């Protein structure tokens, strides 16, 4: 069950202590998209999220975004990320580790310096753990989500209660 235990837990991406992560040697951030950075089926990234991503890039982090969704190249979120120089990996097939490892290659980062940040145990956290990465579970932005995600949430409730979350802001 260790594969389903995040290293840390935070209410949202805005509550994570990125300065602490940087001090610990983490330089690559692999974010989930839906219900982590923006609402499911949202047409855009929110202003606060764009500001956060710009700030993190300015602090020296390399960033990639992974989603299991199939977004067209002209999607507003893809365009917004491209303007920031952030690669978006669609159809990631999380929890399989391949997209996480591909993101590391794109960012020229090693496993020991990468953090996965997402809202689902069965895709983001499990995938990050299978790839050998540090993981942070955030609360979903909304309860509105895809049917398969709702099913995953049901399974998470069954598994998650017997697999306690890491304390907020906990270390390795």
Foldseek 3Di string as FASTA:
>chain_A
DVLLAAQAEDQAPVGAPVVVLVVVQAAEEEEEPDLHQDHVVDQAGDPVSLVVLLVSVVVRHAYEYEYLADDDCPRHHNVSCVVVVYYYHYNQPFLAQPSVVVNCVVSVHDQARYEYEEAASRGGSSSNVVNVHHYYHHHGNDPDDDPVVVVRVVVCVVVDVVVDYHYHPHHD
